[in-house]
Amino acid sequence: GSLRLSCTLSGSTLDIYPIAWFRQAPGKEREGVASISVR
């Protein structure tokens, strides 16, 4: 199946921030999943 996750930023404008998604399963280290650059 499929899901779409959303991440909304407040307090500034999103267009100056690199953003990444991480995930962490029980008993495991947090790992990077995906990232998107600014420029």
Full PDB file with SEQRES, HELIX, SHEET, SSBOND, CRYST1, ORIGX, SCALE, CONECT and MASTER records, all heavy atoms in Angstrom:
SEQRES   1 A   39  GLY SER LEU ARG LEU SER CYS THR LEU SER GLY SER THR          
SEQRES   2 A   39  LEU ASP ILE TYR PRO ILE ALA TRP PHE ARG GLN ALA PRO          
SEQRES   3 A   39  GLY LYS GLU ARG GLU GLY VAL ALA SER ILE SER VAL ARG          
HELIX    1 AA1 LEU A   14  ILE A   16  5                                   3    
SHEET    1 AA1 2 ILE A  19  ARG A  23  0                                        
SHEET    2 AA1 2 GLU A  31  ILE A  36 -1                                        
CRYST1    1.000    1.000    1.000  90.00  90.00  90.00 P 1           1          
ORIGX1      1.000000  0.000000  0.000000        0.00000                         
ORIGX2      0.000000  1.000000  0.000000        0.00000                         
ORIGX3      0.000000  0.000000  1.000000        0.00000                         
SCALE1      1.000000  0.000000  0.000000        0.00000                         
SCALE2      0.000000  1.000000  0.000000        0.00000                         
SCALE3      0.000000  0.000000  1.000000        0.00000                         
ATOM      1  N   GLY A   1       0.801  -1.203   0.000  1.00  0.00           N  
ATOM      2  CA  GLY A   1       0.000   0.000   0.000  1.00  0.00           C  
ATOM      3  C   GLY A   1       0.840   1.261   0.000  1.00  0.00           C  
ATOM      4  O   GLY A   1       2.068   1.219  -0.057  1.00  0.00           O  
ATOM      5  N   SER A   2       0.148   2.405   0.094  1.00  0.00           N  
ATOM      6  CA  SER A   2       0.788   3.711   0.018  1.00  0.00           C  
ATOM      7  C   SER A   2       0.300   4.632   1.118  1.00  0.00           C  
ATOM      8  O   SER A   2      -0.831   4.513   1.596  1.00  0.00           O  
ATOM      9  CB  SER A   2       0.496   4.379  -1.334  1.00  0.00           C  
ATOM     10  OG  SER A   2       1.006   3.625  -2.417  1.00  0.00           O  
ATOM     11  N   LEU A   3       1.163   5.551   1.514  1.00  0.00           N  
ATOM     12  CA  LEU A   3       0.832   6.637   2.419  1.00  0.00           C  
ATOM     13  C   LEU A   3       1.573   7.883   1.967  1.00  0.00           C  
ATOM     14  O   LEU A   3       2.648   7.789   1.377  1.00  0.00           O  
ATOM     15  CB  LEU A   3       1.230   6.323   3.862  1.00  0.00           C  
ATOM     16  CG  LEU A   3       0.401   5.326   4.664  1.00  0.00           C  
ATOM     17  CD1 LEU A   3       1.089   5.051   5.998  1.00  0.00           C  
ATOM     18  CD2 LEU A   3      -1.006   5.854   4.896  1.00  0.00           C  
ATOM     19  N   ARG A   4       1.001   9.041   2.270  1.00  0.00           N  
ATOM     20  CA  ARG A   4       1.695  10.304   2.058  1.00  0.00           C  
ATOM     21  C   ARG A   4       1.802  11.037   3.386  1.00  0.00           C  
ATOM     22  O   ARG A   4       0.791  11.378   4.008  1.00  0.00           O  
ATOM     23  CB  ARG A   4       0.981  11.183   1.033  1.00  0.00           C  
ATOM     24  CG  ARG A   4       1.610  12.580   0.906  1.00  0.00           C  
ATOM     25  CD  ARG A   4       1.084  13.371  -0.274  1.00  0.00           C  
ATOM     26  NE  ARG A   4       1.673  12.896  -1.524  1.00  0.00           N  
ATOM     27  CZ  ARG A   4       1.635  13.578  -2.672  1.00  0.00           C  
ATOM     28  NH1 ARG A   4       1.027  14.754  -2.734  1.00  0.00           N  
ATOM     29  NH2 ARG A   4       2.185  13.056  -3.755  1.00  0.00           N  
ATOM     30  N   LEU A   5       3.026  11.287   3.824  1.00  0.00           N  
ATOM     31  CA  LEU A   5       3.285  12.044   5.035  1.00  0.00           C  
ATOM     32  C   LEU A   5       3.475  13.514   4.698  1.00  0.00           C  
ATOM     33  O   LEU A   5       4.016  13.855   3.640  1.00  0.00           O  
ATOM     34  CB  LEU A   5       4.533  11.522   5.748  1.00  0.00           C  
ATOM     35  CG  LEU A   5       4.574  10.028   6.059  1.00  0.00           C  
ATOM     36  CD1 LEU A   5       5.846   9.693   6.830  1.00  0.00           C  
ATOM     37  CD2 LEU A   5       3.339   9.594   6.833  1.00  0.00           C  
ATOM     38  N   SER A   6       3.040  14.384   5.613  1.00  0.00           N  
ATOM     39  CA  SER A   6       3.195  15.818   5.450  1.00  0.00           C  
ATOM     40  C   SER A   6       3.987  16.388   6.612  1.00  0.00           C  
ATOM     41  O   SER A   6       3.873  15.921   7.745  1.00  0.00           O  
ATOM     42  CB  SER A   6       1.830  16.517   5.387  1.00  0.00           C  
ATOM     43  OG  SER A   6       1.068  16.068   4.293  1.00  0.00           O  
ATOM     44  N   CYS A   7       4.774  17.416   6.330  1.00  0.00           N  
ATOM     45  CA  CYS A   7       5.559  18.123   7.335  1.00  0.00           C  
ATOM     46  C   CYS A   7       5.410  19.607   7.068  1.00  0.00           C  
ATOM     47  O   CYS A   7       5.884  20.107   6.044  1.00  0.00           O  
ATOM     48  CB  CYS A   7       7.027  17.691   7.259  1.00  0.00           C  
ATOM     49  SG  CYS A   7       8.152  18.651   8.288  1.00  0.00           S  
ATOM     50  N   THR A   8       4.751  20.314   7.979  1.00  0.00           N  
ATOM     51  CA  THR A   8       4.493  21.735   7.803  1.00  0.00           C  
ATOM     52  C   THR A   8       5.370  22.552   8.742  1.00  0.00           C  
ATOM     53  O   THR A   8       5.431  22.287   9.944  1.00  0.00           O  
ATOM     54  CB  THR A   8       3.014  22.053   8.054  1.00  0.00           C  
ATOM     55  OG1 THR A   8       2.207  21.346   7.110  1.00  0.00           O  
ATOM     56  CG2 THR A   8       2.748  23.546   7.888  1.00  0.00           C  
ATOM     57  N   LEU A   9       6.041  23.558   8.183  1.00  0.00           N  
ATOM     58  CA  LEU A   9       6.929  24.431   8.944  1.00  0.00           C  
ATOM     59  C   LEU A   9       6.211  25.727   9.291  1.00  0.00           C  
ATOM     60  O   LEU A   9       5.496  26.298   8.459  1.00  0.00           O  
ATOM     61  CB  LEU A   9       8.195  24.721   8.134  1.00  0.00           C  
ATOM     62  CG  LEU A   9       9.260  25.624   8.758  1.00  0.00           C  
ATOM     63  CD1 LEU A   9      10.653  25.171   8.344  1.00  0.00           C  
ATOM     64  CD2 LEU A   9       9.048  27.080   8.342  1.00  0.00           C  
ATOM     65  N   SER A  10       6.407  26.199  10.510  1.00  0.00           N  
ATOM     66  CA  SER A  10       5.897  27.501  10.935  1.00  0.00           C  
ATOM     67  C   SER A  10       7.020  28.293  11.590  1.00  0.00           C  
ATOM     68  O   SER A  10       8.019  27.729  12.030  1.00  0.00           O  
ATOM     69  CB  SER A  10       4.713  27.349  11.889  1.00  0.00           C  
ATOM     70  OG  SER A  10       5.105  26.685  13.084  1.00  0.00           O  
ATOM     71  N   GLY A  11       6.859  29.606  11.652  1.00  0.00           N  
ATOM     72  CA  GLY A  11       7.849  30.476  12.265  1.00  0.00           C  
ATOM     73  C   GLY A  11       8.875  31.028  11.295  1.00  0.00           C  
ATOM     74  O   GLY A  11       9.666  31.899  11.672  1.00  0.00           O  
ATOM     75  N   SER A  12       8.879  30.546  10.078  1.00  0.00           N  
ATOM     76  CA  SER A  12       9.772  31.031   9.039  1.00  0.00           C  
ATOM     77  C   SER A  12       9.225  30.567   7.700  1.00  0.00           C  
ATOM     78  O   SER A  12       8.126  30.016   7.631  1.00  0.00           O  
ATOM     79  CB  SER A  12      11.200  30.527   9.268  1.00  0.00           C  
ATOM     80  OG  SER A  12      12.102  31.143   8.356  1.00  0.00           O  
ATOM     81  N   THR A  13       9.991  30.777   6.651  1.00  0.00           N  
ATOM     82  CA  THR A  13       9.582  30.333   5.320  1.00  0.00           C  
ATOM     83  C   THR A  13      10.347  29.068   4.957  1.00  0.00           C  
ATOM     84  O   THR A  13      11.560  28.980   5.134  1.00  0.00           O  
ATOM     85  CB  THR A  13       9.819  31.415   4.264  1.00  0.00           C  
ATOM     86  OG1 THR A  13      11.190  31.839   4.316  1.00  0.00           O  
ATOM     87  CG2 THR A  13       8.923  32.618   4.518  1.00  0.00           C  
ATOM     88  N   LEU A  14       9.632  28.096   4.425  1.00  0.00           N  
ATOM     89  CA  LEU A  14      10.217  26.801   4.122  1.00  0.00           C  
ATOM     90  C   LEU A  14      11.339  26.889   3.100  1.00  0.00           C  
ATOM     91  O   LEU A  14      12.272  26.078   3.138  1.00  0.00           O  
ATOM     92  CB  LEU A  14       9.117  25.865   3.618  1.00  0.00           C  
ATOM     93  CG  LEU A  14       9.544  24.457   3.236  1.00  0.00           C  
ATOM     94  CD1 LEU A  14      10.019  23.684   4.458  1.00  0.00           C  
ATOM     95  CD2 LEU A  14       8.398  23.724   2.553  1.00  0.00           C  
ATOM     96  N   ASP A  15      11.283  27.865   2.206  1.00  0.00           N  
ATOM     97  CA  ASP A  15      12.187  27.880   1.063  1.00  0.00           C  
ATOM     98  C   ASP A  15      13.649  28.125   1.404  1.00  0.00           C  
ATOM     99  O   ASP A  15      14.499  28.064   0.505  1.00  0.00           O  
ATOM    100  CB  ASP A  15      11.711  28.872  -0.005  1.00  0.00           C  
ATOM    101  CG  ASP A  15      11.641  30.308   0.488  1.00  0.00           C  
ATOM    102  OD1 ASP A  15      12.047  30.592   1.630  1.00  0.00           O  
ATOM    103  OD2 ASP A  15      11.169  31.163  -0.294  1.00  0.00           O  
ATOM    104  N   ILE A  16      13.992  28.381   2.664  1.00  0.00           N  
ATOM    105  CA  ILE A  16      15.391  28.536   3.049  1.00  0.00           C  
ATOM    106  C   ILE A  16      15.918  27.337   3.835  1.00  0.00           C  
ATOM    107  O   ILE A  16      17.096  27.320   4.215  1.00  0.00           O  
ATOM    108  CB  ILE A  16      15.632  29.827   3.859  1.00  0.00           C  
ATOM    109  CG1 ILE A  16      14.902  29.793   5.199  1.00  0.00           C  
ATOM    110  CG2 ILE A  16      15.216  31.054   3.047  1.00  0.00           C  
ATOM    111  CD1 ILE A  16      15.270  30.933   6.129  1.00  0.00           C  
ATOM    112  N   TYR A  17      15.089  26.330   4.070  1.00  0.00           N  
ATOM    113  CA  TYR A  17      15.486  25.207   4.916  1.00  0.00           C  
ATOM    114  C   TYR A  17      15.592  23.899   4.146  1.00  0.00           C  
ATOM    115  O   TYR A  17      14.611  23.447   3.545  1.00  0.00           O  
ATOM    116  CB  TYR A  17      14.486  25.006   6.053  1.00  0.00           C  
ATOM    117  CG  TYR A  17      14.551  26.066   7.120  1.00  0.00           C  
ATOM    118  CD1 TYR A  17      13.702  27.172   7.080  1.00  0.00           C  
ATOM    119  CD2 TYR A  17      15.467  25.966   8.158  1.00  0.00           C  
ATOM    120  CE1 TYR A  17      13.775  28.150   8.057  1.00  0.00           C  
ATOM    121  CE2 TYR A  17      15.538  26.946   9.138  1.00  0.00           C  
ATOM    122  CZ  TYR A  17      14.688  28.034   9.081  1.00  0.00           C  
ATOM    123  OH  TYR A  17      14.763  29.001  10.050  1.00  0.00           O  
ATOM    124  N   PRO A  18      16.752  23.263   4.186  1.00  0.00           N  
ATOM    125  CA  PRO A  18      16.810  21.866   3.738  1.00  0.00           C  
ATOM    126  C   PRO A  18      16.005  21.000   4.698  1.00  0.00           C  
ATOM    127  O   PRO A  18      16.077  21.185   5.916  1.00  0.00           O  
ATOM    128  CB  PRO A  18      18.301  21.520   3.823  1.00  0.00           C  
ATOM    129  CG  PRO A  18      19.018  22.832   3.950  1.00  0.00           C  
ATOM    130  CD  PRO A  18      18.055  23.749   4.649  1.00  0.00           C  
ATOM    131  N   ILE A  19      15.246  20.060   4.165  1.00  0.00           N  
ATOM    132  CA  ILE A  19      14.371  19.223   4.978  1.00  0.00           C  
ATOM    133  C   ILE A  19      14.689  17.758   4.708  1.00  0.00           C  
ATOM    134  O   ILE A  19      14.937  17.363   3.569  1.00  0.00           O  
ATOM    135  CB  ILE A  19      12.889  19.501   4.677  1.00  0.00           C  
ATOM    136  CG1 ILE A  19      12.537  20.969   4.943  1.00  0.00           C  
ATOM    137  CG2 ILE A  19      11.990  18.583   5.510  1.00  0.00           C  
ATOM    138  CD1 ILE A  19      12.612  21.373   6.405  1.00  0.00           C  
ATOM    139  N   ALA A  20      14.631  16.960   5.769  1.00  0.00           N  
ATOM    140  CA  ALA A  20      14.839  15.526   5.644  1.00  0.00           C  
ATOM    141  C   ALA A  20      13.787  14.767   6.426  1.00  0.00           C  
ATOM    142  O   ALA A  20      13.201  15.289   7.379  1.00  0.00           O  
ATOM    143  CB  ALA A  20      16.232  15.132   6.132  1.00  0.00           C  
ATOM    144  N   TRP A  21      13.549  13.537   6.006  1.00  0.00           N  
ATOM    145  CA  TRP A  21      12.750  12.585   6.753  1.00  0.00           C  
ATOM    146  C   TRP A  21      13.663  11.510   7.327  1.00  0.00           C  
ATOM    147  O   TRP A  21      14.524  10.976   6.615  1.00  0.00           O  
ATOM    148  CB  TRP A  21      11.688  11.926   5.879  1.00  0.00           C  
ATOM    149  CG  TRP A  21      10.547  12.817   5.515  1.00  0.00           C  
ATOM    150  CD1 TRP A  21      10.424  13.582   4.404  1.00  0.00           C  
ATOM    151  CD2 TRP A  21       9.355  13.022   6.285  1.00  0.00           C  
ATOM    152  NE1 TRP A  21       9.223  14.257   4.418  1.00  0.00           N  
ATOM    153  CE2 TRP A  21       8.544  13.928   5.565  1.00  0.00           C  
ATOM    154  CE3 TRP A  21       8.893  12.523   7.505  1.00  0.00           C  
ATOM    155  CZ2 TRP A  21       7.304  14.344   6.029  1.00  0.00           C  
ATOM    156  CZ3 TRP A  21       7.650  12.947   7.959  1.00  0.00           C  
ATOM    157  CH2 TRP A  21       6.877  13.846   7.225  1.00  0.00           C  
ATOM    158  N   PHE A  22      13.457  11.208   8.600  1.00  0.00           N  
ATOM    159  CA  PHE A  22      14.135  10.124   9.289  1.00  0.00           C  
ATOM    160  C   PHE A  22      13.090   9.152   9.816  1.00  0.00           C  
ATOM    161  O   PHE A  22      11.912   9.487   9.942  1.00  0.00           O  
ATOM    162  CB  PHE A  22      14.976  10.651  10.458  1.00  0.00           C  
ATOM    163  CG  PHE A  22      16.156  11.493  10.042  1.00  0.00           C  
ATOM    164  CD1 PHE A  22      15.991  12.826   9.691  1.00  0.00           C  
ATOM    165  CD2 PHE A  22      17.426  10.952  10.006  1.00  0.00           C  
ATOM    166  CE1 PHE A  22      17.069  13.605   9.310  1.00  0.00           C  
ATOM    167  CE2 PHE A  22      18.520  11.721   9.631  1.00  0.00           C  
ATOM    168  CZ  PHE A  22      18.337  13.044   9.282  1.00  0.00           C  
ATOM    169  N   ARG A  23      13.532   7.948  10.152  1.00  0.00           N  
ATOM    170  CA  ARG A  23      12.633   6.989  10.780  1.00  0.00           C  
ATOM    171  C   ARG A  23      13.386   6.192  11.832  1.00  0.00           C  
ATOM    172  O   ARG A  23      14.599   6.018  11.763  1.00  0.00           O  
ATOM    173  CB  ARG A  23      11.996   6.053   9.751  1.00  0.00           C  
ATOM    174  CG  ARG A  23      12.964   5.125   9.045  1.00  0.00           C  
ATOM    175  CD  ARG A  23      12.244   4.347   7.949  1.00  0.00           C  
ATOM    176  NE  ARG A  23      13.140   3.426   7.255  1.00  0.00           N  
ATOM    177  CZ  ARG A  23      12.781   2.718   6.189  1.00  0.00           C  
ATOM    178  NH1 ARG A  23      11.546   2.823   5.692  1.00  0.00           N  
ATOM    179  NH2 ARG A  23      13.665   1.897   5.619  1.00  0.00           N  
ATOM    180  N   GLN A  24      12.623   5.701  12.804  1.00  0.00           N  
ATOM    181  CA  GLN A  24      13.213   4.912  13.875  1.00  0.00           C  
ATOM    182  C   GLN A  24      12.230   3.828  14.300  1.00  0.00           C  
ATOM    183  O   GLN A  24      11.126   4.132  14.744  1.00  0.00           O  
ATOM    184  CB  GLN A  24      13.588   5.778  15.070  1.00  0.00           C  
ATOM    185  CG  GLN A  24      14.358   5.032  16.142  1.00  0.00           C  
ATOM    186  CD  GLN A  24      14.980   5.960  17.161  1.00  0.00           C  
ATOM    187  OE1 GLN A  24      14.516   7.075  17.357  1.00  0.00           O  
ATOM    188  NE2 GLN A  24      16.046   5.501  17.799  1.00  0.00           N  
ATOM    189  N   ALA A  25      12.650   2.578  14.153  1.00  0.00           N  
ATOM    190  CA  ALA A  25      11.873   1.436  14.600  1.00  0.00           C  
ATOM    191  C   ALA A  25      12.320   1.051  16.001  1.00  0.00           C  
ATOM    192  O   ALA A  25      13.449   1.340  16.404  1.00  0.00           O  
ATOM    193  CB  ALA A  25      12.055   0.266  13.639  1.00  0.00           C  
ATOM    194  N   PRO A  26      11.444   0.382  16.770  1.00  0.00           N  
ATOM    195  CA  PRO A  26      11.823  -0.022  18.128  1.00  0.00           C  
ATOM    196  C   PRO A  26      13.105  -0.844  18.139  1.00  0.00           C  
ATOM    197  O   PRO A  26      13.264  -1.784  17.359  1.00  0.00           O  
ATOM    198  CB  PRO A  26      10.628  -0.850  18.592  1.00  0.00           C  
ATOM    199  CG  PRO A  26       9.480  -0.309  17.812  1.00  0.00           C  
ATOM    200  CD  PRO A  26      10.052   0.031  16.467  1.00  0.00           C  
ATOM    201  N   GLY A  27      14.035  -0.476  19.018  1.00  0.00           N  
ATOM    202  CA  GLY A  27      15.280  -1.198  19.148  1.00  0.00           C  
ATOM    203  C   GLY A  27      16.314  -0.904  18.081  1.00  0.00           C  
ATOM    204  O   GLY A  27      17.386  -1.523  18.090  1.00  0.00           O  
ATOM    205  N   LYS A  28      16.017   0.017  17.166  1.00  0.00           N  
ATOM    206  CA  LYS A  28      16.947   0.347  16.099  1.00  0.00           C  
ATOM    207  C   LYS A  28      17.346   1.817  16.166  1.00  0.00           C  
ATOM    208  O   LYS A  28      16.657   2.632  16.773  1.00  0.00           O  
ATOM    209  CB  LYS A  28      16.336   0.038  14.731  1.00  0.00           C  
ATOM    210  CG  LYS A  28      16.069  -1.436  14.478  1.00  0.00           C  
ATOM    211  CD  LYS A  28      15.592  -1.667  13.055  1.00  0.00           C  
ATOM    212  CE  LYS A  28      15.404  -3.143  12.761  1.00  0.00           C  
ATOM    213  NZ  LYS A  28      14.963  -3.371  11.365  1.00  0.00           N  
ATOM    214  N   GLU A  29      18.460   2.140  15.530  1.00  0.00           N  
ATOM    215  CA  GLU A  29      18.919   3.514  15.458  1.00  0.00           C  
ATOM    216  C   GLU A  29      18.075   4.309  14.469  1.00  0.00           C  
ATOM    217  O   GLU A  29      17.507   3.766  13.526  1.00  0.00           O  
ATOM    218  CB  GLU A  29      20.389   3.566  15.040  1.00  0.00           C  
ATOM    219  CG  GLU A  29      21.340   2.939  16.032  1.00  0.00           C  
ATOM    220  CD  GLU A  29      22.779   3.055  15.591  1.00  0.00           C  
ATOM    221  OE1 GLU A  29      23.026   3.390  14.413  1.00  0.00           O  
ATOM    222  OE2 GLU A  29      23.671   2.813  16.429  1.00  0.00           O  
ATOM    223  N   ARG A  30      18.001   5.615  14.709  1.00  0.00           N  
ATOM    224  CA  ARG A  30      17.322   6.494  13.773  1.00  0.00           C  
ATOM    225  C   ARG A  30      18.129   6.580  12.477  1.00  0.00           C  
ATOM    226  O   ARG A  30      19.347   6.771  12.498  1.00  0.00           O  
ATOM    227  CB  ARG A  30      17.144   7.877  14.389  1.00  0.00           C  
ATOM    228  CG  ARG A  30      16.290   8.816  13.566  1.00  0.00           C  
ATOM    229  CD  ARG A  30      15.884  10.048  14.375  1.00  0.00           C  
ATOM    230  NE  ARG A  30      15.064   9.683  15.519  1.00  0.00           N  
ATOM    231  CZ  ARG A  30      14.417  10.561  16.277  1.00  0.00           C  
ATOM    232  NH1 ARG A  30      14.498  11.860  16.015  1.00  0.00           N  
ATOM    233  NH2 ARG A  30      13.691  10.143  17.310  1.00  0.00           N  
ATOM    234  N   GLU A  31      17.446   6.442  11.341  1.00  0.00           N  
ATOM    235  CA  GLU A  31      18.125   6.456  10.057  1.00  0.00           C  
ATOM    236  C   GLU A  31      17.511   7.495   9.129  1.00  0.00           C  
ATOM    237  O   GLU A  31      16.304   7.741   9.154  1.00  0.00           O  
ATOM    238  CB  GLU A  31      18.073   5.076   9.390  1.00  0.00           C  
ATOM    239  CG  GLU A  31      16.690   4.615   9.000  1.00  0.00           C  
ATOM    240  CD  GLU A  31      16.680   3.372   8.128  1.00  0.00           C  
ATOM    241  OE1 GLU A  31      17.731   3.053   7.522  1.00  0.00           O  
ATOM    242  OE2 GLU A  31      15.624   2.715   8.049  1.00  0.00           O  
ATOM    243  N   GLY A  32      18.346   8.088   8.301  1.00  0.00           N  
ATOM    244  CA  GLY A  32      17.866   9.013   7.296  1.00  0.00           C  
ATOM    245  C   GLY A  32      17.155   8.278   6.179  1.00  0.00           C  
ATOM    246  O   GLY A  32      17.606   7.226   5.722  1.00  0.00           O  
ATOM    247  N   VAL A  33      16.041   8.822   5.719  1.00  0.00           N  
ATOM    248  CA  VAL A  33      15.234   8.225   4.665  1.00  0.00           C  
ATOM    249  C   VAL A  33      15.363   9.004   3.365  1.00  0.00           C  
ATOM    250  O   VAL A  33      15.653   8.436   2.306  1.00  0.00           O  
ATOM    251  CB  VAL A  33      13.760   8.130   5.088  1.00  0.00           C  
ATOM    252  CG1 VAL A  33      12.903   7.597   3.943  1.00  0.00           C  
ATOM    253  CG2 VAL A  33      13.616   7.261   6.328  1.00  0.00           C  
ATOM    254  N   ALA A  34      15.134  10.314   3.427  1.00  0.00           N  
ATOM    255  CA  ALA A  34      15.145  11.147   2.238  1.00  0.00           C  
ATOM    256  C   ALA A  34      15.405  12.584   2.640  1.00  0.00           C  
ATOM    257  O   ALA A  34      15.115  12.993   3.763  1.00  0.00           O  
ATOM    258  CB  ALA A  34      13.814  11.051   1.483  1.00  0.00           C  
ATOM    259  N   SER A  35      15.931  13.381   1.715  1.00  0.00           N  
ATOM    260  CA  SER A  35      16.165  14.790   1.966  1.00  0.00           C  
ATOM    261  C   SER A  35      15.956  15.581   0.687  1.00  0.00           C  
ATOM    262  O   SER A  35      16.020  15.031  -0.417  1.00  0.00           O  
ATOM    263  CB  SER A  35      17.571  15.044   2.530  1.00  0.00           C  
ATOM    264  OG  SER A  35      18.566  14.588   1.632  1.00  0.00           O  
ATOM    265  N   ILE A  36      15.707  16.886   0.856  1.00  0.00           N  
ATOM    266  CA  ILE A  36      15.507  17.769  -0.286  1.00  0.00           C  
ATOM    267  C   ILE A  36      16.225  19.083  -0.016  1.00  0.00           C  
ATOM    268  O   ILE A  36      16.123  19.653   1.068  1.00  0.00           O  
ATOM    269  CB  ILE A  36      14.004  17.967  -0.584  1.00  0.00           C  
ATOM    270  CG1 ILE A  36      13.798  18.792  -1.851  1.00  0.00           C  
ATOM    271  CG2 ILE A  36      13.275  18.584   0.611  1.00  0.00           C  
ATOM    272  CD1 ILE A  36      12.373  18.706  -2.397  1.00  0.00           C  
ATOM    273  N   SER A  37      16.970  19.555  -1.002  1.00  0.00           N  
ATOM    274  CA  SER A  37      17.800  20.736  -0.841  1.00  0.00           C  
ATOM    275  C   SER A  37      17.004  22.008  -1.075  1.00  0.00           C  
ATOM    276  O   SER A  37      15.843  21.991  -1.490  1.00  0.00           O  
ATOM    277  CB  SER A  37      19.007  20.676  -1.779  1.00  0.00           C  
ATOM    278  OG  SER A  37      18.591  20.746  -3.134  1.00  0.00           O  
ATOM    279  N   VAL A  38      17.646  23.152  -0.822  1.00  0.00           N  
ATOM    280  CA  VAL A  38      16.991  24.458  -0.914  1.00  0.00           C  
ATOM    281  C   VAL A  38      17.079  25.041  -2.312  1.00  0.00           C  
ATOM    282  O   VAL A  38      16.057  25.377  -2.921  1.00  0.00           O  
ATOM    283  CB  VAL A  38      17.595  25.447   0.094  1.00  0.00           C  
ATOM    284  CG1 VAL A  38      17.035  26.848  -0.127  1.00  0.00           C  
ATOM    285  CG2 VAL A  38      17.320  24.990   1.519  1.00  0.00           C  
ATOM    286  N   ARG A  39      18.293  25.193  -2.835  1.00  0.00           N  
ATOM    287  CA  ARG A  39      18.515  26.005  -4.026  1.00  0.00           C  
ATOM    288  C   ARG A  39      17.972  25.394  -5.300  1.00  0.00           C  
ATOM    289  O   ARG A  39      17.435  26.103  -6.146  1.00  0.00           O  
ATOM    290  CB  ARG A  39      20.003  26.304  -4.168  1.00  0.00           C  
ATOM    291  CG  ARG A  39      20.558  27.112  -3.010  1.00  0.00           C  
ATOM    292  CD  ARG A  39      21.951  27.613  -3.302  1.00  0.00           C  
ATOM    293  NE  ARG A  39      22.472  28.382  -2.179  1.00  0.00           N  
ATOM    294  CZ  ARG A  39      22.205  29.660  -1.968  1.00  0.00           C  
ATOM    295  NH1 ARG A  39      21.426  30.334  -2.807  1.00  0.00           N  
ATOM    296  NH2 ARG A  39      22.721  30.284  -0.911  1.00  0.00           N  
TER     297      ARG A  39                                                      
MASTER        0    0    0    1    2    0    0    6  296    1    0    3          
END                                                                             
